[in-house]
N, C-alpha and C. Protein backbone atom coordinates (compact mmCIF):
# COMPACT_ATOMS: atom_id res chain seq x y z
N UNK A 1 101.59 -9.22 -36.56
CA UNK A 1 101.49 -9.85 -37.85
C UNK A 1 101.81 -11.33 -37.70
N UNK A 2 100.91 -12.19 -38.11
CA UNK A 2 101.29 -13.58 -38.13
C UNK A 2 100.27 -14.54 -37.60
N UNK A 3 100.80 -15.59 -37.01
CA UNK A 3 100.06 -16.79 -36.67
C UNK A 3 98.83 -16.55 -35.81
N UNK A 4 98.93 -15.70 -34.81
CA UNK A 4 97.83 -15.53 -33.86
C UNK A 4 96.93 -14.33 -34.18
N UNK A 5 97.25 -13.59 -35.22
CA UNK A 5 96.43 -12.44 -35.58
C UNK A 5 95.06 -12.89 -36.09
N UNK A 6 94.09 -11.97 -36.00
CA UNK A 6 92.77 -12.25 -36.54
C UNK A 6 92.80 -12.30 -38.06
N UNK A 7 93.62 -11.44 -38.66
CA UNK A 7 93.68 -11.36 -40.11
C UNK A 7 94.75 -12.32 -40.63
N UNK A 8 94.37 -13.27 -41.48
CA UNK A 8 95.37 -14.19 -42.02
C UNK A 8 96.36 -13.47 -42.92
N UNK A 9 97.56 -13.99 -42.99
CA UNK A 9 98.58 -13.40 -43.85
C UNK A 9 98.27 -13.71 -45.31
N UNK A 10 98.61 -12.76 -46.17
CA UNK A 10 98.49 -13.02 -47.61
C UNK A 10 99.61 -13.98 -48.02
N UNK A 11 99.49 -14.54 -49.19
CA UNK A 11 100.54 -15.43 -49.70
C UNK A 11 101.86 -14.69 -49.79
N UNK A 12 101.83 -13.45 -50.21
CA UNK A 12 103.06 -12.65 -50.31
C UNK A 12 103.67 -12.44 -48.93
N UNK A 13 102.84 -12.14 -47.93
CA UNK A 13 103.35 -11.96 -46.56
C UNK A 13 103.91 -13.27 -46.01
N UNK A 14 103.25 -14.38 -46.31
CA UNK A 14 103.74 -15.68 -45.87
C UNK A 14 105.12 -15.96 -46.47
N UNK A 15 105.28 -15.67 -47.74
CA UNK A 15 106.57 -15.90 -48.40
C UNK A 15 107.66 -15.01 -47.82
N UNK A 16 107.33 -13.77 -47.47
CA UNK A 16 108.32 -12.88 -46.83
C UNK A 16 108.75 -13.44 -45.48
N UNK A 17 107.79 -13.92 -44.69
CA UNK A 17 108.11 -14.53 -43.38
C UNK A 17 108.98 -15.77 -43.58
N UNK A 18 108.61 -16.59 -44.54
CA UNK A 18 109.37 -17.81 -44.81
C UNK A 18 110.79 -17.46 -45.26
N UNK A 19 110.92 -16.48 -46.13
CA UNK A 19 112.25 -16.08 -46.61
C UNK A 19 113.08 -15.51 -45.46
N UNK A 20 112.47 -14.72 -44.59
CA UNK A 20 113.18 -14.17 -43.44
C UNK A 20 113.69 -15.29 -42.54
N UNK A 21 112.88 -16.32 -42.37
CA UNK A 21 113.29 -17.47 -41.56
C UNK A 21 114.46 -18.19 -42.24
N UNK A 22 114.37 -18.42 -43.54
CA UNK A 22 115.45 -19.09 -44.26
C UNK A 22 116.75 -18.30 -44.21
N UNK A 23 116.65 -16.97 -44.23
CA UNK A 23 117.85 -16.14 -44.17
C UNK A 23 118.60 -16.34 -42.86
N UNK A 24 117.90 -16.69 -41.80
CA UNK A 24 118.51 -16.90 -40.49
C UNK A 24 119.09 -18.31 -40.34
N UNK A 25 118.69 -19.22 -41.21
CA UNK A 25 119.03 -20.62 -41.05
C UNK A 25 120.38 -20.96 -41.67
N UNK A 26 121.22 -21.63 -40.91
CA UNK A 26 122.52 -22.09 -41.37
C UNK A 26 122.42 -23.58 -41.67
N UNK A 27 122.36 -23.93 -42.95
CA UNK A 27 122.17 -25.32 -43.35
C UNK A 27 123.36 -26.20 -42.99
N UNK A 28 124.53 -25.61 -42.77
CA UNK A 28 125.72 -26.38 -42.42
C UNK A 28 125.79 -26.69 -40.92
N UNK A 29 124.96 -26.06 -40.14
CA UNK A 29 124.98 -26.25 -38.69
C UNK A 29 124.38 -27.60 -38.31
N UNK A 30 124.83 -28.12 -37.18
CA UNK A 30 124.27 -29.36 -36.64
C UNK A 30 123.11 -29.10 -35.69
N UNK A 31 122.75 -27.85 -35.50
CA UNK A 31 121.66 -27.50 -34.59
C UNK A 31 120.31 -27.71 -35.26
N UNK A 32 119.32 -28.08 -34.45
CA UNK A 32 117.96 -28.18 -34.96
C UNK A 32 117.52 -26.82 -35.49
N UNK A 33 116.65 -26.81 -36.50
CA UNK A 33 116.19 -25.53 -37.05
C UNK A 33 115.58 -24.61 -36.00
N UNK A 34 114.77 -25.13 -35.10
CA UNK A 34 114.13 -24.30 -34.09
C UNK A 34 115.12 -23.62 -33.18
N UNK A 35 116.20 -24.32 -32.84
CA UNK A 35 117.24 -23.74 -31.99
C UNK A 35 117.92 -22.60 -32.74
N UNK A 36 118.21 -22.82 -34.00
CA UNK A 36 118.83 -21.76 -34.80
C UNK A 36 117.94 -20.53 -34.92
N UNK A 37 116.64 -20.77 -34.95
CA UNK A 37 115.70 -19.66 -35.10
C UNK A 37 115.37 -18.98 -33.78
N UNK A 38 115.95 -19.47 -32.68
CA UNK A 38 115.79 -18.80 -31.40
C UNK A 38 114.75 -19.39 -30.47
N UNK A 39 114.16 -20.52 -30.83
CA UNK A 39 113.19 -21.16 -29.93
C UNK A 39 113.94 -21.79 -28.76
N UNK A 40 113.39 -21.67 -27.59
CA UNK A 40 114.04 -22.15 -26.37
C UNK A 40 113.57 -23.56 -26.02
N UNK A 41 114.33 -24.26 -25.18
CA UNK A 41 113.87 -25.57 -24.70
C UNK A 41 112.50 -25.49 -24.01
N UNK A 42 112.25 -24.38 -23.33
CA UNK A 42 110.96 -24.20 -22.68
C UNK A 42 109.82 -24.13 -23.69
N UNK A 43 110.08 -23.49 -24.82
CA UNK A 43 109.09 -23.43 -25.89
C UNK A 43 108.76 -24.84 -26.37
N UNK A 44 109.80 -25.62 -26.65
CA UNK A 44 109.58 -26.98 -27.13
C UNK A 44 108.82 -27.82 -26.10
N UNK A 45 109.18 -27.68 -24.84
CA UNK A 45 108.50 -28.42 -23.78
C UNK A 45 107.03 -28.01 -23.67
N UNK A 46 106.77 -26.71 -23.77
CA UNK A 46 105.39 -26.22 -23.67
C UNK A 46 104.55 -26.70 -24.86
N UNK A 47 105.10 -26.61 -26.04
CA UNK A 47 104.37 -27.07 -27.23
C UNK A 47 104.12 -28.57 -27.16
N UNK A 48 105.12 -29.32 -26.70
CA UNK A 48 104.96 -30.77 -26.55
C UNK A 48 103.83 -31.06 -25.55
N UNK A 49 103.82 -30.34 -24.44
CA UNK A 49 102.77 -30.54 -23.42
C UNK A 49 101.39 -30.22 -23.99
N UNK A 50 101.29 -29.19 -24.81
CA UNK A 50 100.01 -28.85 -25.44
C UNK A 50 99.59 -29.98 -26.38
N UNK A 51 100.53 -30.48 -27.17
CA UNK A 51 100.23 -31.59 -28.07
C UNK A 51 99.74 -32.82 -27.31
N UNK A 52 100.38 -33.11 -26.19
CA UNK A 52 99.98 -34.26 -25.36
C UNK A 52 98.56 -34.04 -24.82
N UNK A 53 98.27 -32.84 -24.38
CA UNK A 53 96.91 -32.55 -23.87
C UNK A 53 95.87 -32.72 -24.98
N UNK A 54 96.19 -32.24 -26.17
CA UNK A 54 95.28 -32.47 -27.30
C UNK A 54 95.06 -33.96 -27.52
N UNK A 55 96.14 -34.73 -27.49
CA UNK A 55 96.05 -36.18 -27.68
C UNK A 55 95.17 -36.81 -26.59
N UNK A 56 95.42 -36.43 -25.35
CA UNK A 56 94.65 -36.98 -24.23
C UNK A 56 93.17 -36.64 -24.31
N UNK A 57 92.85 -35.51 -24.94
CA UNK A 57 91.46 -35.09 -25.09
C UNK A 57 90.88 -35.48 -26.46
N UNK A 58 91.56 -36.40 -27.13
CA UNK A 58 91.12 -36.94 -28.41
C UNK A 58 90.97 -35.87 -29.49
N UNK A 59 91.74 -34.81 -29.37
CA UNK A 59 91.81 -33.79 -30.43
C UNK A 59 93.03 -34.12 -31.29
N UNK A 60 92.93 -35.25 -31.96
CA UNK A 60 94.08 -35.83 -32.64
C UNK A 60 94.60 -34.96 -33.78
N UNK A 61 93.71 -34.35 -34.55
CA UNK A 61 94.17 -33.49 -35.65
C UNK A 61 94.95 -32.30 -35.13
N UNK A 62 94.50 -31.72 -34.01
CA UNK A 62 95.23 -30.60 -33.41
C UNK A 62 96.59 -31.06 -32.87
N UNK A 63 96.61 -32.22 -32.25
CA UNK A 63 97.87 -32.77 -31.72
C UNK A 63 98.84 -33.04 -32.86
N UNK A 64 98.35 -33.59 -33.96
CA UNK A 64 99.20 -33.90 -35.11
C UNK A 64 99.84 -32.62 -35.65
N UNK A 65 99.07 -31.54 -35.72
CA UNK A 65 99.62 -30.26 -36.20
C UNK A 65 100.77 -29.80 -35.31
N UNK A 66 100.59 -29.91 -34.01
CA UNK A 66 101.65 -29.50 -33.06
C UNK A 66 102.89 -30.37 -33.24
N UNK A 67 102.69 -31.69 -33.26
CA UNK A 67 103.84 -32.59 -33.36
C UNK A 67 104.54 -32.46 -34.72
N UNK A 68 103.78 -32.18 -35.76
CA UNK A 68 104.38 -31.96 -37.07
C UNK A 68 105.32 -30.75 -37.01
N UNK A 69 104.84 -29.66 -36.42
CA UNK A 69 105.68 -28.47 -36.29
C UNK A 69 106.91 -28.76 -35.45
N UNK A 70 106.72 -29.51 -34.37
CA UNK A 70 107.86 -29.84 -33.51
C UNK A 70 108.88 -30.71 -34.24
N UNK A 71 108.41 -31.63 -35.06
CA UNK A 71 109.34 -32.48 -35.82
C UNK A 71 110.19 -31.62 -36.76
N UNK A 72 109.60 -30.61 -37.35
CA UNK A 72 110.36 -29.72 -38.24
C UNK A 72 111.35 -28.88 -37.44
N UNK A 73 110.90 -28.31 -36.34
CA UNK A 73 111.75 -27.39 -35.58
C UNK A 73 112.76 -28.08 -34.67
N UNK A 74 112.40 -29.26 -34.18
CA UNK A 74 113.26 -29.98 -33.23
C UNK A 74 113.41 -31.42 -33.75
N UNK A 75 114.08 -31.53 -34.88
CA UNK A 75 114.09 -32.79 -35.62
C UNK A 75 114.90 -33.90 -34.97
N UNK A 76 115.68 -33.61 -33.95
CA UNK A 76 116.46 -34.66 -33.29
C UNK A 76 115.84 -35.12 -31.98
N UNK A 77 114.64 -34.67 -31.67
CA UNK A 77 113.96 -35.08 -30.44
C UNK A 77 113.00 -36.24 -30.76
N UNK A 78 113.40 -37.44 -30.36
CA UNK A 78 112.60 -38.61 -30.73
C UNK A 78 111.22 -38.60 -30.11
N UNK A 79 111.04 -37.88 -29.00
CA UNK A 79 109.72 -37.85 -28.35
C UNK A 79 108.66 -37.31 -29.30
N UNK A 80 109.04 -36.39 -30.19
CA UNK A 80 108.08 -35.81 -31.13
C UNK A 80 107.59 -36.85 -32.14
N UNK A 81 108.50 -37.68 -32.62
CA UNK A 81 108.12 -38.74 -33.56
C UNK A 81 107.25 -39.79 -32.86
N UNK A 82 107.60 -40.09 -31.63
CA UNK A 82 106.84 -41.07 -30.86
C UNK A 82 105.42 -40.56 -30.61
N UNK A 83 105.30 -39.30 -30.26
CA UNK A 83 103.98 -38.70 -30.03
C UNK A 83 103.18 -38.62 -31.33
N UNK A 84 103.84 -38.27 -32.42
CA UNK A 84 103.15 -38.24 -33.72
C UNK A 84 102.66 -39.64 -34.07
N UNK A 85 103.50 -40.63 -33.86
CA UNK A 85 103.10 -42.00 -34.12
C UNK A 85 101.89 -42.41 -33.31
N UNK A 86 101.86 -42.01 -32.04
CA UNK A 86 100.73 -42.34 -31.17
C UNK A 86 99.43 -41.72 -31.69
N UNK A 87 99.51 -40.47 -32.14
CA UNK A 87 98.33 -39.80 -32.70
C UNK A 87 97.83 -40.52 -33.95
N UNK A 88 98.75 -40.84 -34.82
CA UNK A 88 98.38 -41.51 -36.07
C UNK A 88 97.85 -42.92 -35.81
N UNK A 89 98.44 -43.60 -34.84
CA UNK A 89 97.95 -44.93 -34.47
C UNK A 89 96.54 -44.83 -33.92
N UNK A 90 96.27 -43.83 -33.10
CA UNK A 90 94.93 -43.64 -32.54
C UNK A 90 93.91 -43.35 -33.64
N UNK A 91 94.37 -42.74 -34.74
CA UNK A 91 93.49 -42.48 -35.88
C UNK A 91 93.40 -43.69 -36.82
N UNK A 92 94.07 -44.78 -36.44
CA UNK A 92 94.12 -46.01 -37.23
C UNK A 92 94.80 -45.80 -38.58
N UNK A 93 95.71 -44.84 -38.64
CA UNK A 93 96.53 -44.58 -39.81
C UNK A 93 97.87 -45.29 -39.57
N UNK A 94 97.82 -46.62 -39.67
CA UNK A 94 98.94 -47.44 -39.24
C UNK A 94 100.19 -47.26 -40.09
N UNK A 95 100.05 -47.08 -41.40
CA UNK A 95 101.23 -46.90 -42.24
C UNK A 95 102.00 -45.65 -41.84
N UNK A 96 101.31 -44.54 -41.67
CA UNK A 96 101.99 -43.30 -41.28
C UNK A 96 102.47 -43.35 -39.83
N UNK A 97 101.75 -44.06 -38.98
CA UNK A 97 102.22 -44.23 -37.60
C UNK A 97 103.54 -44.99 -37.60
N UNK A 98 103.62 -46.04 -38.40
CA UNK A 98 104.87 -46.81 -38.48
C UNK A 98 106.00 -45.91 -38.98
N UNK A 99 105.72 -45.09 -39.97
CA UNK A 99 106.75 -44.17 -40.48
C UNK A 99 107.23 -43.23 -39.38
N UNK A 100 106.30 -42.65 -38.63
CA UNK A 100 106.68 -41.74 -37.54
C UNK A 100 107.47 -42.48 -36.46
N UNK A 101 106.96 -43.63 -36.05
CA UNK A 101 107.66 -44.40 -35.01
C UNK A 101 109.07 -44.81 -35.46
N UNK A 102 109.20 -45.29 -36.68
CA UNK A 102 110.52 -45.75 -37.11
C UNK A 102 111.49 -44.58 -37.29
N UNK A 103 110.98 -43.40 -37.62
CA UNK A 103 111.85 -42.22 -37.64
C UNK A 103 112.36 -41.94 -36.24
N UNK A 104 111.49 -42.06 -35.26
CA UNK A 104 111.92 -41.89 -33.87
C UNK A 104 112.88 -42.99 -33.43
N UNK A 105 112.63 -44.21 -33.89
CA UNK A 105 113.50 -45.33 -33.52
C UNK A 105 114.91 -45.12 -34.04
N UNK A 106 115.04 -44.44 -35.18
CA UNK A 106 116.37 -44.16 -35.71
C UNK A 106 117.15 -43.25 -34.77
N UNK A 107 116.45 -42.46 -33.97
CA UNK A 107 117.09 -41.56 -33.01
C UNK A 107 117.25 -42.20 -31.63
N UNK A 108 116.46 -43.21 -31.34
CA UNK A 108 116.49 -43.86 -30.02
C UNK A 108 116.26 -45.35 -30.21
N UNK A 109 117.24 -46.01 -30.77
CA UNK A 109 117.10 -47.41 -31.16
C UNK A 109 116.77 -48.33 -29.98
N UNK A 110 117.18 -47.99 -28.79
CA UNK A 110 116.96 -48.86 -27.64
C UNK A 110 115.71 -48.48 -26.85
N UNK A 111 114.79 -47.77 -27.46
CA UNK A 111 113.51 -47.44 -26.85
C UNK A 111 112.54 -48.58 -27.18
N UNK A 112 112.30 -49.43 -26.21
CA UNK A 112 111.46 -50.62 -26.43
C UNK A 112 110.02 -50.23 -26.78
N UNK A 113 109.53 -49.14 -26.21
CA UNK A 113 108.15 -48.74 -26.49
C UNK A 113 107.92 -48.47 -27.97
N UNK A 114 108.85 -47.76 -28.59
CA UNK A 114 108.68 -47.43 -30.01
C UNK A 114 108.57 -48.71 -30.84
N UNK A 115 109.42 -49.67 -30.56
CA UNK A 115 109.38 -50.94 -31.30
C UNK A 115 108.09 -51.70 -30.99
N UNK A 116 107.65 -51.64 -29.75
CA UNK A 116 106.39 -52.28 -29.38
C UNK A 116 105.23 -51.66 -30.16
N UNK A 117 105.21 -50.33 -30.25
CA UNK A 117 104.12 -49.66 -30.97
C UNK A 117 104.17 -49.96 -32.47
N UNK A 118 105.36 -50.03 -33.03
CA UNK A 118 105.47 -50.43 -34.44
C UNK A 118 104.90 -51.83 -34.61
N UNK A 119 105.27 -52.73 -33.70
CA UNK A 119 104.74 -54.09 -33.74
C UNK A 119 103.23 -54.13 -33.61
N UNK A 120 102.68 -53.29 -32.75
CA UNK A 120 101.22 -53.21 -32.63
C UNK A 120 100.59 -52.81 -33.96
N UNK A 121 101.15 -51.79 -34.59
CA UNK A 121 100.60 -51.32 -35.87
C UNK A 121 100.70 -52.42 -36.93
N UNK A 122 101.84 -53.09 -36.98
CA UNK A 122 101.99 -54.19 -37.95
C UNK A 122 100.98 -55.30 -37.67
N UNK A 123 100.78 -55.59 -36.40
CA UNK A 123 99.81 -56.62 -36.02
C UNK A 123 98.41 -56.21 -36.46
N UNK A 124 98.05 -54.97 -36.21
CA UNK A 124 96.72 -54.48 -36.57
C UNK A 124 96.53 -54.43 -38.09
N UNK A 125 97.62 -54.30 -38.83
CA UNK A 125 97.55 -54.35 -40.30
C UNK A 125 97.57 -55.80 -40.79
N UNK A 126 97.63 -56.73 -39.86
CA UNK A 126 97.68 -58.17 -40.16
C UNK A 126 98.98 -58.57 -40.85
N UNK A 127 100.03 -57.82 -40.59
CA UNK A 127 101.38 -58.16 -41.07
C UNK A 127 102.08 -58.91 -39.94
N UNK A 128 101.62 -60.13 -39.71
CA UNK A 128 102.01 -60.88 -38.51
C UNK A 128 103.49 -61.26 -38.50
N UNK A 129 104.05 -61.60 -39.65
CA UNK A 129 105.46 -61.96 -39.69
C UNK A 129 106.34 -60.77 -39.32
N UNK A 130 106.04 -59.60 -39.90
CA UNK A 130 106.79 -58.38 -39.57
C UNK A 130 106.59 -58.00 -38.10
N UNK A 131 105.35 -58.12 -37.64
CA UNK A 131 105.06 -57.80 -36.24
C UNK A 131 105.85 -58.70 -35.31
N UNK A 132 105.93 -59.99 -35.64
CA UNK A 132 106.68 -60.92 -34.79
C UNK A 132 108.15 -60.52 -34.70
N UNK A 133 108.75 -60.12 -35.82
CA UNK A 133 110.16 -59.70 -35.83
C UNK A 133 110.35 -58.43 -35.00
N UNK A 134 109.48 -57.48 -35.21
CA UNK A 134 109.59 -56.21 -34.49
C UNK A 134 109.39 -56.41 -32.99
N UNK A 135 108.41 -57.22 -32.63
CA UNK A 135 108.13 -57.47 -31.21
C UNK A 135 109.21 -58.31 -30.57
N UNK A 136 109.87 -59.18 -31.34
CA UNK A 136 111.01 -59.93 -30.80
C UNK A 136 112.12 -58.96 -30.40
N UNK A 137 112.33 -57.93 -31.23
CA UNK A 137 113.34 -56.92 -30.91
C UNK A 137 112.93 -56.12 -29.67
N UNK A 138 111.66 -55.74 -29.59
CA UNK A 138 111.17 -55.03 -28.40
C UNK A 138 111.37 -55.90 -27.16
N UNK A 139 111.08 -57.19 -27.27
CA UNK A 139 111.28 -58.11 -26.14
C UNK A 139 112.75 -58.19 -25.73
N UNK A 140 113.64 -58.24 -26.71
CA UNK A 140 115.07 -58.30 -26.40
C UNK A 140 115.51 -57.07 -25.62
N UNK A 141 115.01 -55.91 -26.01
CA UNK A 141 115.35 -54.67 -25.28
C UNK A 141 114.78 -54.74 -23.86
N UNK A 142 113.54 -55.21 -23.74
CA UNK A 142 112.91 -55.33 -22.42
C UNK A 142 113.70 -56.26 -21.51
N UNK A 143 114.18 -57.35 -22.07
CA UNK A 143 114.97 -58.30 -21.27
C UNK A 143 116.32 -57.73 -20.88
N UNK A 144 116.91 -56.97 -21.77
CA UNK A 144 118.23 -56.39 -21.49
C UNK A 144 118.14 -55.26 -20.45
N UNK A 145 117.04 -54.53 -20.47
CA UNK A 145 116.86 -53.39 -19.56
C UNK A 145 115.54 -53.52 -18.82
N UNK A 146 115.37 -54.54 -17.97
CA UNK A 146 114.08 -54.77 -17.33
C UNK A 146 113.65 -53.63 -16.39
N UNK A 147 114.61 -52.95 -15.79
CA UNK A 147 114.26 -51.86 -14.88
C UNK A 147 113.64 -50.69 -15.63
N UNK A 148 114.02 -50.52 -16.89
CA UNK A 148 113.49 -49.40 -17.67
C UNK A 148 112.21 -49.78 -18.41
N UNK A 149 112.11 -51.03 -18.89
CA UNK A 149 111.01 -51.40 -19.77
C UNK A 149 110.10 -52.46 -19.18
N UNK A 150 110.17 -52.67 -17.88
CA UNK A 150 109.31 -53.65 -17.24
C UNK A 150 107.82 -53.37 -17.42
N UNK A 151 107.47 -52.10 -17.60
CA UNK A 151 106.06 -51.72 -17.75
C UNK A 151 105.43 -52.26 -19.03
N UNK A 152 106.22 -52.54 -20.06
CA UNK A 152 105.65 -53.05 -21.31
C UNK A 152 106.09 -54.47 -21.63
N UNK A 153 107.01 -55.02 -20.84
CA UNK A 153 107.60 -56.32 -21.15
C UNK A 153 106.54 -57.41 -21.32
N UNK A 154 105.60 -57.48 -20.41
CA UNK A 154 104.56 -58.50 -20.49
C UNK A 154 103.68 -58.35 -21.72
N UNK A 155 103.32 -57.10 -22.02
CA UNK A 155 102.49 -56.83 -23.21
C UNK A 155 103.23 -57.20 -24.49
N UNK A 156 104.51 -56.84 -24.54
CA UNK A 156 105.31 -57.12 -25.73
C UNK A 156 105.46 -58.63 -25.92
N UNK A 157 105.70 -59.33 -24.84
CA UNK A 157 105.87 -60.79 -24.91
C UNK A 157 104.58 -61.47 -25.39
N UNK A 158 103.46 -61.04 -24.83
CA UNK A 158 102.17 -61.64 -25.18
C UNK A 158 101.81 -61.35 -26.64
N UNK A 159 102.01 -60.11 -27.09
CA UNK A 159 101.68 -59.77 -28.47
C UNK A 159 102.65 -60.47 -29.44
N UNK A 160 103.89 -60.61 -29.04
CA UNK A 160 104.86 -61.33 -29.86
C UNK A 160 104.42 -62.78 -30.07
N UNK A 161 103.97 -63.42 -29.00
CA UNK A 161 103.50 -64.81 -29.10
C UNK A 161 102.30 -64.91 -30.05
N UNK A 162 101.38 -63.97 -29.94
CA UNK A 162 100.20 -63.97 -30.82
C UNK A 162 100.60 -63.74 -32.27
N UNK A 163 101.53 -62.82 -32.52
CA UNK A 163 101.99 -62.52 -33.88
C UNK A 163 102.70 -63.74 -34.47
N UNK A 164 103.56 -64.39 -33.68
CA UNK A 164 104.26 -65.59 -34.16
C UNK A 164 103.28 -66.69 -34.53
N UNK A 165 102.29 -66.87 -33.67
CA UNK A 165 101.30 -67.92 -33.91
C UNK A 165 100.50 -67.63 -35.17
N UNK A 166 100.10 -66.39 -35.38
CA UNK A 166 99.33 -66.04 -36.58
C UNK A 166 100.19 -66.03 -37.84
N UNK A 167 101.48 -65.71 -37.69
CA UNK A 167 102.37 -65.71 -38.84
C UNK A 167 102.58 -67.12 -39.36
N UNK A 168 102.47 -68.11 -38.50
CA UNK A 168 102.72 -69.49 -38.90
C UNK A 168 101.53 -70.12 -39.61
N UNK A 169 100.41 -69.45 -39.65
CA UNK A 169 99.23 -70.00 -40.33
C UNK A 169 99.17 -69.61 -41.76
């Protein structure tokens, strides 16, 4: 009965499954919902890998569904927000990509890539002043941790210069 069956669940069956899941959930716990429900780290890793494969094969809607589920079940894993942001950015849904990226940034503030991607989205939306500020922060992280963020440092610096120049016009 359920997700992989040929026969879809009725609304009543869906509500019973949902209620059974809620009965297992401890809202006072600090654990992610998926952990409380018995999902293993291997499950999360496998689902994340499937989502990445969908993204790499330009099956963005399928990837978004996977990452959305992962965000609900494993809400403290910033990689899920970052991956969701990448999918939305690839679909040119920059507002929602920024939302996903900044949710991830709240969990991993010193991840220069996330700030760089937010800056890219702002730049593509022609929000040059905001992009310049965001990219300045990404650059500061790259400079502070060059061994970790050297792969994007040049790109962030170049895009920051372009955003600053366009913001001044």
